[in-house]
Protein backbone atom coordinates (compact mmCIF):
# COMPACT_ATOMS: atom_id res chain seq x y z
CA MET A 1 93.90 80.65 97.56
CA LEU A 2 95.59 81.75 100.78
CA LYS A 3 98.95 80.57 99.45
CA SER A 4 98.52 82.56 96.25
CA PHE A 5 98.17 85.76 98.29
CA ASN A 6 100.93 84.73 100.76
CA ILE A 7 98.60 85.10 103.74
CA GLU A 8 98.42 81.47 104.83
CA GLN A 9 100.87 82.00 107.73
CA LYS A 10 98.91 85.01 109.04
CA PHE A 11 95.66 83.03 108.74
CA ASN A 12 97.18 80.13 110.72
CA GLU A 13 98.50 82.52 113.37
CA THR A 14 95.05 84.07 113.80
CA ASN A 15 93.49 80.62 114.11
CA LEU A 16 96.07 79.66 116.73
CA ILE A 17 95.26 82.70 118.86
CA ASN A 18 91.53 82.06 118.53
CA SER A 19 92.03 78.38 119.48
CA TRP A 20 94.14 79.07 122.59
CA GLU A 21 91.31 78.26 125.04
CA ARG A 22 90.36 75.03 123.27
CA VAL A 23 93.96 73.80 123.02
CA MET A 24 95.24 74.84 126.45
CA GLY A 25 92.05 74.60 128.48
CA LEU A 26 89.83 77.05 130.33
CA ALA A 27 92.02 77.36 133.44
CA ILE A 28 95.03 78.56 131.44
CA ALA A 29 92.93 80.71 129.10
CA LYS A 30 91.36 82.54 132.08
CA ARG A 31 94.83 83.48 133.31
CA THR A 32 96.02 84.59 129.88
CA THR A 33 95.83 88.37 129.68
CA LYS A 34 97.34 88.87 126.24
CA ILE A 35 98.50 86.60 123.42
CA TYR A 36 100.12 87.51 120.11
CA ILE A 37 102.57 86.20 117.54
CA LYS A 38 105.57 88.07 116.19
CA ASP A 39 108.34 86.59 114.02
CA LYS A 40 106.97 83.04 114.51
CA LYS A 41 107.23 83.44 118.30
CA LEU A 42 104.14 83.07 120.46
CA TYR A 43 104.04 85.64 123.26
CA VAL A 44 101.71 84.77 126.14
CA HIS A 45 101.10 87.19 129.02
CA LEU A 46 99.87 85.40 132.13
CA SER A 47 98.41 86.85 135.32
CA SER A 48 99.67 83.98 137.49
CA ALA A 49 103.38 83.62 138.32
CA PRO A 50 103.05 79.96 139.46
CA LEU A 51 101.26 79.08 136.21
CA ARG A 52 103.92 80.93 134.20
CA HIS A 53 106.61 78.88 135.97
CA GLU A 54 104.75 75.63 135.34
CA LEU A 55 104.20 76.39 131.65
CA ASN A 56 107.79 77.56 131.30
CA MET A 57 108.88 74.00 132.02
CA SER A 58 106.41 72.70 129.42
CA LYS A 59 107.21 74.92 126.44
CA ASN A 60 108.08 71.98 124.18
CA LYS A 61 104.80 70.26 125.08
CA ILE A 62 102.90 73.45 124.18
CA LEU A 63 104.65 73.57 120.79
CA VAL A 64 103.77 69.91 120.16
CA LEU A 65 100.11 70.47 121.15
CA LEU A 66 99.82 73.46 118.83
CA ALA A 67 101.53 71.69 115.92
CA LYS A 68 99.26 68.66 116.42
CA GLU A 69 96.16 70.88 116.48
CA PHE A 70 97.04 72.54 113.17
CA GLY A 71 98.88 69.70 111.46
CA GLN A 72 102.04 71.77 111.13
CA PRO A 73 104.22 74.02 113.27
CA ILE A 74 102.82 77.56 113.30
CA VAL A 75 105.30 79.02 115.79
CA ASN A 76 108.89 78.08 116.62
CA GLU A 77 109.05 79.36 120.18
CA VAL A 78 106.80 80.16 123.14
CA ILE A 79 107.67 83.17 125.30
CA LEU A 80 105.80 83.47 128.59
CA LEU A 81 105.55 86.91 130.16
């Protein structure tokens, strides 16, 4: 039904945002101040510069974790701010 209304991607994006804590863990979720998706890019605002640096080196791992969680790639890129 979601495919027939062309809202499947938006539904998956919303689920991804709501699942951020479960996928990434409580420590990262607590330091996430804002998260949104635009043009298949995941924007994550973090309150910790050291954590941002650490995650910046693990962007591919984040994409793999998210794709594994949802059975398909939802976003193509992770941008940490």
